[in-house]
Amino acid sequence: MKKLRLEAFIYGIVQGVGFRYFVLTNARKLGITGYVENVWDGSVHVIAEGEKENLEKLVEYLKRGPRSARVDKVTYTLSEYKGEFTDFEVY
């Protein structure tokens, strides 16, 4: 299976609702490396690397979010795998 890099921005009520830890849990479950962080504009930013199929599953999780969140929009791009990370972290 081909490995890729995902960059995503999630918009809505996604800060202060456990969204980053929701992403952390699901990314680790899928064997994905990278990080998730809050952005000054109220969105959440994700950089993730892993198998294409697992990144697509992560995007579905991002679109849903935890129950306490309200996801209005997810934008993302897939690009070349860089092998930059050894784990998934929250910043």
C-alpha atoms as a PDB file:
ATOM      1  CA  MET A   1       0.000   0.000   0.000  1.00  0.00           C
ATOM      2  CA  LYS A   2       1.292   3.446  -0.919  1.00  0.00           C
ATOM      3  CA  LYS A   3       2.198   5.880   1.848  1.00  0.00           C
ATOM      4  CA  LEU A   4       1.214   9.539   1.528  1.00  0.00           C
ATOM      5  CA  ARG A   5       1.146  12.782   3.504  1.00  0.00           C
ATOM      6  CA  LEU A   6      -2.108  14.483   4.479  1.00  0.00           C
ATOM      7  CA  GLU A   7      -2.527  18.137   5.414  1.00  0.00           C
ATOM      8  CA  ALA A   8      -5.971  19.080   6.680  1.00  0.00           C
ATOM      9  CA  PHE A   9      -7.744  22.062   8.208  1.00  0.00           C
ATOM     10  CA  ILE A  10     -10.962  21.518  10.161  1.00  0.00           C
ATOM     11  CA  TYR A  11     -13.383  24.414  10.701  1.00  0.00           C
ATOM     12  CA  GLY A  12     -16.367  24.826  13.012  1.00  0.00           C
ATOM     13  CA  ILE A  13     -16.572  24.402  16.779  1.00  0.00           C
ATOM     14  CA  VAL A  14     -13.382  22.369  16.990  1.00  0.00           C
ATOM     15  CA  GLN A  15     -11.340  23.998  19.761  1.00  0.00           C
ATOM     16  CA  GLY A  16     -11.966  23.407  23.463  1.00  0.00           C
ATOM     17  CA  VAL A  17     -14.075  20.322  22.733  1.00  0.00           C
ATOM     18  CA  GLY A  18     -11.462  17.530  22.797  1.00  0.00           C
ATOM     19  CA  PHE A  19     -10.993  17.513  19.033  1.00  0.00           C
ATOM     20  CA  ARG A  20      -7.188  17.198  19.072  1.00  0.00           C
ATOM     21  CA  TYR A  21      -7.302  14.206  21.427  1.00  0.00           C
ATOM     22  CA  PHE A  22     -10.018  12.627  19.286  1.00  0.00           C
ATOM     23  CA  VAL A  23      -7.655  12.953  16.301  1.00  0.00           C
ATOM     24  CA  LEU A  24      -4.712  11.617  18.342  1.00  0.00           C
ATOM     25  CA  THR A  25      -6.624   8.508  19.416  1.00  0.00           C
ATOM     26  CA  ASN A  26      -7.861   7.695  15.926  1.00  0.00           C
ATOM     27  CA  ALA A  27      -4.549   8.436  14.190  1.00  0.00           C
ATOM     28  CA  ARG A  28      -2.656   6.135  16.550  1.00  0.00           C
ATOM     29  CA  LYS A  29      -5.309   3.442  16.108  1.00  0.00           C
ATOM     30  CA  LEU A  30      -4.760   3.663  12.327  1.00  0.00           C
ATOM     31  CA  GLY A  31      -0.945   3.605  12.604  1.00  0.00           C
ATOM     32  CA  ILE A  32      -0.613   7.176  11.338  1.00  0.00           C
ATOM     33  CA  THR A  33       2.223   9.516  12.341  1.00  0.00           C
ATOM     34  CA  GLY A  34       2.263  13.316  12.459  1.00  0.00           C
ATOM     35  CA  TYR A  35       0.588  15.937  14.614  1.00  0.00           C
ATOM     36  CA  VAL A  36      -2.549  17.954  15.309  1.00  0.00           C
ATOM     37  CA  GLU A  37      -2.652  21.549  16.559  1.00  0.00           C
ATOM     38  CA  ASN A  38      -5.022  24.430  17.169  1.00  0.00           C
ATOM     39  CA  VAL A  39      -4.727  27.431  14.840  1.00  0.00           C
ATOM     40  CA  TRP A  40      -5.211  31.081  15.851  1.00  0.00           C
ATOM     41  CA  ASP A  41      -8.301  31.420  13.607  1.00  0.00           C
ATOM     42  CA  GLY A  42     -10.228  28.770  15.578  1.00  0.00           C
ATOM     43  CA  SER A  43      -9.544  25.894  13.195  1.00  0.00           C
ATOM     44  CA  VAL A  44      -7.541  22.712  13.770  1.00  0.00           C
ATOM     45  CA  HIS A  45      -4.570  21.747  11.582  1.00  0.00           C
ATOM     46  CA  VAL A  46      -3.436  18.166  10.953  1.00  0.00           C
ATOM     47  CA  ILE A  47      -0.274  16.882   9.281  1.00  0.00           C
ATOM     48  CA  ALA A  48      -0.352  13.105   9.002  1.00  0.00           C
ATOM     49  CA  GLU A  49       1.588  10.404   7.203  1.00  0.00           C
ATOM     50  CA  GLY A  50       0.630   6.808   6.566  1.00  0.00           C
ATOM     51  CA  GLU A  51      -0.963   4.395   4.160  1.00  0.00           C
ATOM     52  CA  LYS A  52      -3.428   6.039   1.780  1.00  0.00           C
ATOM     53  CA  GLU A  53      -6.352   3.886   2.946  1.00  0.00           C
ATOM     54  CA  ASN A  54      -5.740   4.826   6.595  1.00  0.00           C
ATOM     55  CA  LEU A  55      -5.394   8.526   5.773  1.00  0.00           C
ATOM     56  CA  GLU A  56      -8.754   8.356   3.991  1.00  0.00           C
ATOM     57  CA  LYS A  57     -10.262   6.788   7.123  1.00  0.00           C
ATOM     58  CA  LEU A  58      -8.736   9.584   9.213  1.00  0.00           C
ATOM     59  CA  VAL A  59     -10.358  12.186   6.929  1.00  0.00           C
ATOM     60  CA  GLU A  60     -13.736  10.553   7.637  1.00  0.00           C
ATOM     61  CA  TYR A  61     -13.036  10.878  11.385  1.00  0.00           C
ATOM     62  CA  LEU A  62     -12.084  14.537  10.866  1.00  0.00           C
ATOM     63  CA  LYS A  63     -15.389  15.194   9.089  1.00  0.00           C
ATOM     64  CA  ARG A  64     -17.301  13.683  12.023  1.00  0.00           C
ATOM     65  CA  GLY A  65     -15.282  14.845  15.016  1.00  0.00           C
ATOM     66  CA  PRO A  66     -16.144  14.019  18.631  1.00  0.00           C
ATOM     67  CA  ARG A  67     -19.723  14.491  19.821  1.00  0.00           C
ATOM     68  CA  SER A  68     -18.839  17.787  21.512  1.00  0.00           C
ATOM     69  CA  ALA A  69     -17.621  19.328  18.237  1.00  0.00           C
ATOM     70  CA  ARG A  70     -19.434  20.753  15.239  1.00  0.00           C
ATOM     71  CA  VAL A  71     -17.493  20.311  12.019  1.00  0.00           C
ATOM     72  CA  ASP A  72     -18.563  22.789   9.333  1.00  0.00           C
ATOM     73  CA  LYS A  73     -15.819  22.169   6.774  1.00  0.00           C
ATOM     74  CA  VAL A  74     -12.718  20.045   6.198  1.00  0.00           C
ATOM     75  CA  THR A  75     -10.165  20.946   3.548  1.00  0.00           C
ATOM     76  CA  TYR A  76      -7.271  18.624   2.817  1.00  0.00           C
ATOM     77  CA  THR A  77      -4.557  17.708   0.370  1.00  0.00           C
ATOM     78  CA  LEU A  78      -2.593  14.522  -0.155  1.00  0.00           C
ATOM     79  CA  SER A  79       1.038  14.759  -1.206  1.00  0.00           C
ATOM     80  CA  GLU A  80       4.278  12.809  -1.282  1.00  0.00           C
ATOM     81  CA  TYR A  81       5.252  10.852   1.841  1.00  0.00           C
ATOM     82  CA  LYS A  82       8.272  12.369   3.633  1.00  0.00           C
ATOM     83  CA  GLY A  83       8.813   9.931   6.534  1.00  0.00           C
ATOM     84  CA  GLU A  84       9.200  12.890   8.878  1.00  0.00           C
ATOM     85  CA  PHE A  85       7.499  11.515  12.021  1.00  0.00           C
ATOM     86  CA  THR A  86       7.842   8.526  14.358  1.00  0.00           C
ATOM     87  CA  ASP A  87       4.615   9.027  16.362  1.00  0.00           C
ATOM     88  CA  PHE A  88       1.432  11.102  16.382  1.00  0.00           C
ATOM     89  CA  GLU A  89       1.416  14.079  18.745  1.00  0.00           C
ATOM     90  CA  VAL A  90      -0.767  16.930  19.964  1.00  0.00           C
ATOM     91  CA  TYR A  91       0.667  20.447  19.872  1.00  0.00           C
END
